[in-house]
């Protein structure tokens, strides 16, 4: 398993997906907090979606919130592509 942090913009809107239930949150940080409140059994099947990326339980635990100026930089976009192509 790849254990590097995943750089994300915490201010992006996000969806918490629990089976057929999709709950929209104003920020990725809000969705991540709600994800942590789920039971371990619920976390196994839950997903989060933000900025075109879908994150599994293992990826959600590795999210690292970045500053706005860095997240929008070309380097950050390149790193996001690399992380998701290697996973």
PDB file of N, CA and C in Angstrom:
ATOM      1  N   UNK A   1       0.839  -1.180   0.000  1.00  0.00           N
ATOM      2  CA  UNK A   1       0.000   0.000   0.000  1.00  0.00           C
ATOM      3  C   UNK A   1       0.883   1.240   0.000  1.00  0.00           C
ATOM      4  N   UNK A   2       0.503   2.238  -0.776  1.00  0.00           N
ATOM      5  CA  UNK A   2       1.231   3.483  -0.913  1.00  0.00           C
ATOM      6  C   UNK A   2       0.822   4.410   0.227  1.00  0.00           C
ATOM      7  N   UNK A   3       1.773   4.874   1.046  1.00  0.00           N
ATOM      8  CA  UNK A   3       1.430   5.610   2.255  1.00  0.00           C
ATOM      9  C   UNK A   3       1.715   7.102   2.196  1.00  0.00           C
ATOM     10  N   UNK A   4       1.999   7.657   1.022  1.00  0.00           N
ATOM     11  CA  UNK A   4       2.250   9.087   0.919  1.00  0.00           C
ATOM     12  C   UNK A   4       0.971   9.867   1.166  1.00  0.00           C
ATOM     13  N   UNK A   5       1.146  11.102   1.623  1.00  0.00           N
ATOM     14  CA  UNK A   5       0.008  11.993   1.829  1.00  0.00           C
ATOM     15  C   UNK A   5      -0.575  12.394   0.478  1.00  0.00           C
ATOM     16  N   UNK A   6      -1.857  12.679   0.462  1.00  0.00           N
ATOM     17  CA  UNK A   6      -2.540  13.136  -0.745  1.00  0.00           C
ATOM     18  C   UNK A   6      -2.876  14.609  -0.530  1.00  0.00           C
ATOM     19  N   UNK A   7      -2.303  15.468  -1.357  1.00  0.00           N
ATOM     20  CA  UNK A   7      -2.469  16.905  -1.236  1.00  0.00           C
ATOM     21  C   UNK A   7      -3.815  17.328  -1.810  1.00  0.00           C
ATOM     22  N   UNK A   8      -4.641  18.000  -1.008  1.00  0.00           N
ATOM     23  CA  UNK A   8      -5.965  18.441  -1.455  1.00  0.00           C
ATOM     24  C   UNK A   8      -6.243  19.854  -0.958  1.00  0.00           C
ATOM     25  N   UNK A   9      -7.208  20.498  -1.592  1.00  0.00           N
ATOM     26  CA  UNK A   9      -7.689  21.810  -1.168  1.00  0.00           C
ATOM     27  C   UNK A   9      -8.899  21.588  -0.275  1.00  0.00           C
ATOM     28  N   UNK A  10      -8.754  21.851   1.006  1.00  0.00           N
ATOM     29  CA  UNK A  10      -9.826  21.570   1.965  1.00  0.00           C
ATOM     30  C   UNK A  10     -11.076  22.412   1.732  1.00  0.00           C
ATOM     31  N   UNK A  11     -10.970  23.498   0.967  1.00  0.00           N
ATOM     32  CA  UNK A  11     -12.116  24.381   0.747  1.00  0.00           C
ATOM     33  C   UNK A  11     -12.998  23.952  -0.419  1.00  0.00           C
ATOM     34  N   UNK A  12     -12.575  22.949  -1.170  1.00  0.00           N
ATOM     35  CA  UNK A  12     -13.380  22.447  -2.285  1.00  0.00           C
ATOM     36  C   UNK A  12     -14.639  21.771  -1.748  1.00  0.00           C
ATOM     37  N   UNK A  13     -15.774  21.912  -2.437  1.00  0.00           N
ATOM     38  CA  UNK A  13     -16.966  21.167  -2.018  1.00  0.00           C
ATOM     39  C   UNK A  13     -16.732  19.670  -2.198  1.00  0.00           C
ATOM     40  N   UNK A  14     -17.433  18.870  -1.415  1.00  0.00           N
ATOM     41  CA  UNK A  14     -17.224  17.417  -1.470  1.00  0.00           C
ATOM     42  C   UNK A  14     -18.523  16.676  -1.199  1.00  0.00           C
ATOM     43  N   UNK A  15     -18.573  15.446  -1.697  1.00  0.00           N
ATOM     44  CA  UNK A  15     -19.689  14.539  -1.439  1.00  0.00           C
ATOM     45  C   UNK A  15     -19.180  13.376  -0.605  1.00  0.00           C
ATOM     46  N   UNK A  16     -19.960  12.994   0.396  1.00  0.00           N
ATOM     47  CA  UNK A  16     -19.701  11.776   1.158  1.00  0.00           C
ATOM     48  C   UNK A  16     -20.696  10.749   0.647  1.00  0.00           C
ATOM     49  N   UNK A  17     -20.187   9.655   0.107  1.00  0.00           N
ATOM     50  CA  UNK A  17     -21.027   8.648  -0.537  1.00  0.00           C
ATOM     51  C   UNK A  17     -21.080   7.412   0.343  1.00  0.00           C
ATOM     52  N   UNK A  18     -22.282   7.085   0.779  1.00  0.00           N
ATOM     53  CA  UNK A  18     -22.506   5.913   1.638  1.00  0.00           C
ATOM     54  C   UNK A  18     -23.539   5.041   0.947  1.00  0.00           C
ATOM     55  N   UNK A  19     -23.059   4.147   0.090  1.00  0.00           N
ATOM     56  CA  UNK A  19     -23.974   3.311  -0.686  1.00  0.00           C
ATOM     57  C   UNK A  19     -24.757   4.170  -1.660  1.00  0.00           C
ATOM     58  N   UNK A  20     -26.082   4.160  -1.526  1.00  0.00           N
ATOM     59  CA  UNK A  20     -26.929   4.975  -2.406  1.00  0.00           C
ATOM     60  C   UNK A  20     -27.134   6.392  -1.883  1.00  0.00           C
ATOM     61  N   UNK A  21     -26.654   6.663  -0.693  1.00  0.00           N
ATOM     62  CA  UNK A  21     -26.841   7.974  -0.071  1.00  0.00           C
ATOM     63  C   UNK A  21     -25.638   8.860  -0.381  1.00  0.00           C
ATOM     64  N   UNK A  22     -25.913  10.024  -0.954  1.00  0.00           N
ATOM     65  CA  UNK A  22     -24.863  11.001  -1.247  1.00  0.00           C
ATOM     66  C   UNK A  22     -25.184  12.266  -0.457  1.00  0.00           C
ATOM     67  N   UNK A  23     -24.265  12.660   0.414  1.00  0.00           N
ATOM     68  CA  UNK A  23     -24.448  13.853   1.230  1.00  0.00           C
ATOM     69  C   UNK A  23     -23.442  14.894   0.762  1.00  0.00           C
ATOM     70  N   UNK A  24     -23.944  16.068   0.393  1.00  0.00           N
ATOM     71  CA  UNK A  24     -23.087  17.145  -0.102  1.00  0.00           C
ATOM     72  C   UNK A  24     -22.630  18.020   1.067  1.00  0.00           C
ATOM     73  N   UNK A  25     -21.334  18.362   1.060  1.00  0.00           N
ATOM     74  CA  UNK A  25     -20.752  19.215   2.091  1.00  0.00           C
ATOM     75  C   UNK A  25     -20.120  20.429   1.426  1.00  0.00           C
ATOM     76  N   UNK A  26     -20.126  21.573   2.119  1.00  0.00           N
ATOM     77  CA  UNK A  26     -19.543  22.777   1.518  1.00  0.00           C
ATOM     78  C   UNK A  26     -18.029  22.687   1.340  1.00  0.00           C
ATOM     79  N   UNK A  27     -17.365  21.872   2.172  1.00  0.00           N
ATOM     80  CA  UNK A  27     -15.909  21.730   2.046  1.00  0.00           C
ATOM     81  C   UNK A  27     -15.487  20.274   2.220  1.00  0.00           C
ATOM     82  N   UNK A  28     -14.342  19.963   1.666  1.00  0.00           N
ATOM     83  CA  UNK A  28     -13.762  18.632   1.820  1.00  0.00           C
ATOM     84  C   UNK A  28     -13.441  18.356   3.287  1.00  0.00           C
ATOM     85  N   UNK A  29     -13.019  19.381   4.001  1.00  0.00           N
ATOM     86  CA  UNK A  29     -12.714  19.217   5.428  1.00  0.00           C
ATOM     87  C   UNK A  29     -13.962  18.808   6.207  1.00  0.00           C
ATOM     88  N   UNK A  30     -15.112  19.413   5.894  1.00  0.00           N
ATOM     89  CA  UNK A  30     -16.367  19.047   6.566  1.00  0.00           C
ATOM     90  C   UNK A  30     -16.734  17.593   6.283  1.00  0.00           C
ATOM     91  N   UNK A  31     -16.576  17.178   5.038  1.00  0.00           N
ATOM     92  CA  UNK A  31     -16.886  15.793   4.670  1.00  0.00           C
ATOM     93  C   UNK A  31     -15.944  14.821   5.379  1.00  0.00           C
ATOM     94  N   UNK A  32     -14.671  15.194   5.497  1.00  0.00           N
ATOM     95  CA  UNK A  32     -13.693  14.327   6.167  1.00  0.00           C
ATOM     96  C   UNK A  32     -14.020  14.173   7.653  1.00  0.00           C
ATOM     97  N   UNK A  33     -14.466  15.248   8.287  1.00  0.00           N
ATOM     98  CA  UNK A  33     -14.851  15.176   9.703  1.00  0.00           C
ATOM     99  C   UNK A  33     -16.037  14.232   9.859  1.00  0.00           C
ATOM    100  N   UNK A  34     -17.011  14.351   8.982  1.00  0.00           N
ATOM    101  CA  UNK A  34     -18.185  13.474   9.055  1.00  0.00           C
ATOM    102  C   UNK A  34     -17.798  12.021   8.773  1.00  0.00           C
ATOM    103  N   UNK A  35     -16.854  11.814   7.863  1.00  0.00           N
ATOM    104  CA  UNK A  35     -16.366  10.463   7.577  1.00  0.00           C
ATOM    105  C   UNK A  35     -15.780   9.835   8.841  1.00  0.00           C
ATOM    106  N   UNK A  36     -15.029  10.612   9.611  1.00  0.00           N
ATOM    107  CA  UNK A  36     -14.411  10.096  10.837  1.00  0.00           C
ATOM    108  C   UNK A  36     -15.446   9.694  11.881  1.00  0.00           C
ATOM    109  N   UNK A  37     -16.637  10.259  11.797  1.00  0.00           N
ATOM    110  CA  UNK A  37     -17.710   9.924  12.744  1.00  0.00           C
ATOM    111  C   UNK A  37     -18.402   8.603  12.410  1.00  0.00           C
ATOM    112  N   UNK A  38     -18.177   8.100  11.209  1.00  0.00           N
ATOM    113  CA  UNK A  38     -18.794   6.831  10.817  1.00  0.00           C
ATOM    114  C   UNK A  38     -18.152   5.678  11.580  1.00  0.00           C
ATOM    115  N   UNK A  39     -18.895   4.614  11.743  1.00  0.00           N
ATOM    116  CA  UNK A  39     -18.325   3.415  12.367  1.00  0.00           C
ATOM    117  C   UNK A  39     -17.293   2.809  11.412  1.00  0.00           C
ATOM    118  N   UNK A  40     -16.349   2.021  11.915  1.00  0.00           N
ATOM    119  CA  UNK A  40     -15.357   1.382  11.036  1.00  0.00           C
ATOM    120  C   UNK A  40     -16.010   0.572   9.912  1.00  0.00           C
ATOM    121  N   UNK A  41     -17.113  -0.078  10.212  1.00  0.00           N
ATOM    122  CA  UNK A  41     -17.819  -0.861   9.194  1.00  0.00           C
ATOM    123  C   UNK A  41     -18.363   0.051   8.088  1.00  0.00           C
ATOM    124  N   UNK A  42     -18.922   1.199   8.476  1.00  0.00           N
ATOM    125  CA  UNK A  42     -19.454   2.143   7.489  1.00  0.00           C
ATOM    126  C   UNK A  42     -18.328   2.788   6.689  1.00  0.00           C
ATOM    127  N   UNK A  43     -17.188   3.027   7.341  1.00  0.00           N
ATOM    128  CA  UNK A  43     -16.058   3.641   6.650  1.00  0.00           C
ATOM    129  C   UNK A  43     -15.527   2.755   5.531  1.00  0.00           C
ATOM    130  N   UNK A  44     -15.609   1.441   5.700  1.00  0.00           N
ATOM    131  CA  UNK A  44     -15.100   0.514   4.682  1.00  0.00           C
ATOM    132  C   UNK A  44     -15.754   0.736   3.331  1.00  0.00           C
ATOM    133  N   UNK A  45     -17.045   1.029   3.329  1.00  0.00           N
ATOM    134  CA  UNK A  45     -17.764   1.156   2.063  1.00  0.00           C
ATOM    135  C   UNK A  45     -17.996   2.605   1.648  1.00  0.00           C
ATOM    136  N   UNK A  46     -17.647   3.561   2.499  1.00  0.00           N
ATOM    137  CA  UNK A  46     -17.877   4.968   2.180  1.00  0.00           C
ATOM    138  C   UNK A  46     -16.786   5.504   1.254  1.00  0.00           C
ATOM    139  N   UNK A  47     -17.169   6.484   0.449  1.00  0.00           N
ATOM    140  CA  UNK A  47     -16.253   7.170  -0.451  1.00  0.00           C
ATOM    141  C   UNK A  47     -16.450   8.668  -0.291  1.00  0.00           C
ATOM    142  N   UNK A  48     -15.446   9.439  -0.671  1.00  0.00           N
ATOM    143  CA  UNK A  48     -15.589  10.886  -0.754  1.00  0.00           C
ATOM    144  C   UNK A  48     -15.194  11.308  -2.157  1.00  0.00           C
ATOM    145  N   UNK A  49     -15.941  12.273  -2.686  1.00  0.00           N
ATOM    146  CA  UNK A  49     -15.654  12.765  -4.029  1.00  0.00           C
ATOM    147  C   UNK A  49     -15.517  14.280  -3.972  1.00  0.00           C
ATOM    148  N   UNK A  50     -14.428  14.790  -4.558  1.00  0.00           N
ATOM    149  CA  UNK A  50     -14.182  16.225  -4.577  1.00  0.00           C
ATOM    150  C   UNK A  50     -13.259  16.568  -5.737  1.00  0.00           C
ATOM    151  N   UNK A  51     -13.564  17.658  -6.412  1.00  0.00           N
ATOM    152  CA  UNK A  51     -12.720  18.170  -7.503  1.00  0.00           C
ATOM    153  C   UNK A  51     -12.417  17.104  -8.555  1.00  0.00           C
ATOM    154  N   UNK A  52     -13.386  16.241  -8.823  1.00  0.00           N
ATOM    155  CA  UNK A  52     -13.214  15.222  -9.850  1.00  0.00           C
ATOM    156  C   UNK A  52     -12.509  13.960  -9.400  1.00  0.00           C
ATOM    157  N   UNK A  53     -12.079  13.905  -8.148  1.00  0.00           N
ATOM    158  CA  UNK A  53     -11.401  12.723  -7.620  1.00  0.00           C
ATOM    159  C   UNK A  53     -12.312  11.997  -6.641  1.00  0.00           C
ATOM    160  N   UNK A  54     -12.244  10.676  -6.646  1.00  0.00           N
ATOM    161  CA  UNK A  54     -12.974   9.859  -5.690  1.00  0.00           C
ATOM    162  C   UNK A  54     -11.959   9.201  -4.771  1.00  0.00           C
ATOM    163  N   UNK A  55     -12.177   9.345  -3.461  1.00  0.00           N
ATOM    164  CA  UNK A  55     -11.241   8.850  -2.463  1.00  0.00           C
ATOM    165  C   UNK A  55     -11.842   7.686  -1.678  1.00  0.00           C
ATOM    166  N   UNK A  56     -11.070   6.626  -1.521  1.00  0.00           N
ATOM    167  CA  UNK A  56     -11.468   5.470  -0.715  1.00  0.00           C
ATOM    168  C   UNK A  56     -11.105   5.730   0.745  1.00  0.00           C
ATOM    169  N   UNK A  57     -11.470   4.800   1.623  1.00  0.00           N
ATOM    170  CA  UNK A  57     -11.165   4.945   3.051  1.00  0.00           C
ATOM    171  C   UNK A  57      -9.667   5.149   3.277  1.00  0.00           C
ATOM    172  N   UNK A  58      -8.836   4.328   2.654  1.00  0.00           N
ATOM    173  CA  UNK A  58      -7.387   4.449   2.847  1.00  0.00           C
ATOM    174  C   UNK A  58      -6.866   5.798   2.363  1.00  0.00           C
ATOM    175  N   UNK A  59      -7.415   6.289   1.257  1.00  0.00           N
ATOM    176  CA  UNK A  59      -6.982   7.584   0.731  1.00  0.00           C
ATOM    177  C   UNK A  59      -7.467   8.730   1.616  1.00  0.00           C
ATOM    178  N   UNK A  60      -8.674   8.622   2.150  1.00  0.00           N
ATOM    179  CA  UNK A  60      -9.216   9.674   3.019  1.00  0.00           C
ATOM    180  C   UNK A  60      -8.328   9.850   4.242  1.00  0.00           C
ATOM    181  N   UNK A  61      -7.828   8.760   4.771  1.00  0.00           N
ATOM    182  CA  UNK A  61      -6.954   8.829   5.944  1.00  0.00           C
ATOM    183  C   UNK A  61      -5.620   9.496   5.630  1.00  0.00           C
ATOM    184  N   UNK A  62      -5.258   9.576   4.352  1.00  0.00           N
ATOM    185  CA  UNK A  62      -3.977  10.163   3.949  1.00  0.00           C
ATOM    186  C   UNK A  62      -4.113  11.585   3.404  1.00  0.00           C
ATOM    187  N   UNK A  63      -5.324  12.163   3.456  1.00  0.00           N
ATOM    188  CA  UNK A  63      -5.507  13.511   2.925  1.00  0.00           C
ATOM    189  C   UNK A  63      -4.680  14.513   3.717  1.00  0.00           C
ATOM    190  N   UNK A  64      -4.050  15.405   2.988  1.00  0.00           N
ATOM    191  CA  UNK A  64      -3.221  16.451   3.578  1.00  0.00           C
ATOM    192  C   UNK A  64      -3.705  17.775   2.992  1.00  0.00           C
ATOM    193  N   UNK A  65      -4.146  18.683   3.845  1.00  0.00           N
ATOM    194  CA  UNK A  65      -4.707  19.946   3.369  1.00  0.00           C
ATOM    195  C   UNK A  65      -3.599  20.935   3.051  1.00  0.00           C
ATOM    196  N   UNK A  66      -3.684  21.527   1.861  1.00  0.00           N
ATOM    197  CA  UNK A  66      -2.647  22.439   1.384  1.00  0.00           C
ATOM    198  C   UNK A  66      -3.153  23.874   1.392  1.00  0.00           C
ATOM    199  N   UNK A  67      -2.229  24.786   1.352  1.00  0.00           N
ATOM    200  CA  UNK A  67      -2.580  26.200   1.270  1.00  0.00           C
ATOM    201  C   UNK A  67      -3.109  26.491  -0.130  1.00  0.00           C
ATOM    202  N   UNK A  68      -4.013  27.473  -0.229  1.00  0.00           N
ATOM    203  CA  UNK A  68      -4.669  27.794  -1.495  1.00  0.00           C
ATOM    204  C   UNK A  68      -3.696  28.075  -2.632  1.00  0.00           C
ATOM    205  N   UNK A  69      -2.662  28.872  -2.369  1.00  0.00           N
ATOM    206  CA  UNK A  69      -1.753  29.249  -3.447  1.00  0.00           C
ATOM    207  C   UNK A  69      -1.000  28.045  -4.002  1.00  0.00           C
ATOM    208  N   UNK A  70      -0.653  27.085  -3.153  1.00  0.00           N
ATOM    209  CA  UNK A  70       0.059  25.908  -3.639  1.00  0.00           C
ATOM    210  C   UNK A  70      -0.876  24.955  -4.370  1.00  0.00           C
ATOM    211  N   UNK A  71      -2.081  24.785  -3.862  1.00  0.00           N
ATOM    212  CA  UNK A  71      -3.026  23.841  -4.468  1.00  0.00           C
ATOM    213  C   UNK A  71      -3.332  24.225  -5.905  1.00  0.00           C
ATOM    214  N   UNK A  72      -3.371  25.503  -6.187  1.00  0.00           N
ATOM    215  CA  UNK A  72      -3.706  25.957  -7.537  1.00  0.00           C
ATOM    216  C   UNK A  72      -2.486  26.011  -8.462  1.00  0.00           C
ATOM    217  N   UNK A  73      -1.323  25.716  -7.952  1.00  0.00           N
ATOM    218  CA  UNK A  73      -0.108  25.784  -8.755  1.00  0.00           C
ATOM    219  C   UNK A  73      -0.020  24.592  -9.711  1.00  0.00           C
ATOM    220  N   UNK A  74       0.697  24.745 -10.818  1.00  0.00           N
ATOM    221  CA  UNK A  74       0.875  23.633 -11.757  1.00  0.00           C
ATOM    222  C   UNK A  74       1.546  22.421 -11.110  1.00  0.00           C
ATOM    223  N   UNK A  75       2.463  22.650 -10.174  1.00  0.00           N
ATOM    224  CA  UNK A  75       3.139  21.540  -9.504  1.00  0.00           C
ATOM    225  C   UNK A  75       2.137  20.699  -8.718  1.00  0.00           C
ATOM    226  N   UNK A  76       1.241  21.341  -8.006  1.00  0.00           N
ATOM    227  CA  UNK A  76       0.249  20.604  -7.214  1.00  0.00           C
ATOM    228  C   UNK A  76      -0.657  19.777  -8.119  1.00  0.00           C
ATOM    229  N   UNK A  77      -1.069  20.341  -9.236  1.00  0.00           N
ATOM    230  CA  UNK A  77      -1.926  19.602 -10.171  1.00  0.00           C
ATOM    231  C   UNK A  77      -1.178  18.392 -10.727  1.00  0.00           C
ATOM    232  N   UNK A  78       0.097  18.576 -11.024  1.00  0.00           N
ATOM    233  CA  UNK A  78       0.915  17.472 -11.527  1.00  0.00           C
ATOM    234  C   UNK A  78       1.046  16.377 -10.467  1.00  0.00           C
ATOM    235  N   UNK A  79       1.276  16.766  -9.217  1.00  0.00           N
ATOM    236  CA  UNK A  79       1.400  15.788  -8.135  1.00  0.00           C
ATOM    237  C   UNK A  79       0.103  15.020  -7.923  1.00  0.00           C
ATOM    238  N   UNK A  80      -1.031  15.693  -8.014  1.00  0.00           N
ATOM    239  CA  UNK A  80      -2.324  15.019  -7.864  1.00  0.00           C
ATOM    240  C   UNK A  80      -2.493  13.960  -8.949  1.00  0.00           C
ATOM    241  N   UNK A  81      -2.126  14.296 -10.180  1.00  0.00           N
ATOM    242  CA  UNK A  81      -2.237  13.326 -11.277  1.00  0.00           C
ATOM    243  C   UNK A  81      -1.340  12.122 -11.019  1.00  0.00           C
ATOM    244  N   UNK A  82      -0.121  12.370 -10.546  1.00  0.00           N
ATOM    245  CA  UNK A  82       0.800  11.269 -10.267  1.00  0.00           C
ATOM    246  C   UNK A  82       0.260  10.347  -9.186  1.00  0.00           C
ATOM    247  N   UNK A  83      -0.272  10.920  -8.122  1.00  0.00           N
ATOM    248  CA  UNK A  83      -0.793  10.124  -7.008  1.00  0.00           C
ATOM    249  C   UNK A  83      -1.923   9.229  -7.483  1.00  0.00           C
ATOM    250  N   UNK A  84      -2.813   9.756  -8.292  1.00  0.00           N
ATOM    251  CA  UNK A  84      -3.971   8.972  -8.710  1.00  0.00           C
ATOM    252  C   UNK A  84      -3.653   7.981  -9.827  1.00  0.00           C
ATOM    253  N   UNK A  85      -2.600   8.205 -10.580  1.00  0.00           N
ATOM    254  CA  UNK A  85      -2.241   7.222 -11.602  1.00  0.00           C
ATOM    255  C   UNK A  85      -1.455   6.066 -11.003  1.00  0.00           C
ATOM    256  N   UNK A  86      -0.774   6.303  -9.870  1.00  0.00           N
ATOM    257  CA  UNK A  86       0.006   5.247  -9.234  1.00  0.00           C
ATOM    258  C   UNK A  86      -0.825   4.398  -8.288  1.00  0.00           C
ATOM    259  N   UNK A  87      -1.960   4.914  -7.848  1.00  0.00           N
ATOM    260  CA  UNK A  87      -2.790   4.186  -6.867  1.00  0.00           C
ATOM    261  C   UNK A  87      -3.493   3.008  -7.486  1.00  0.00           C
TER     262      UNK A  87
END
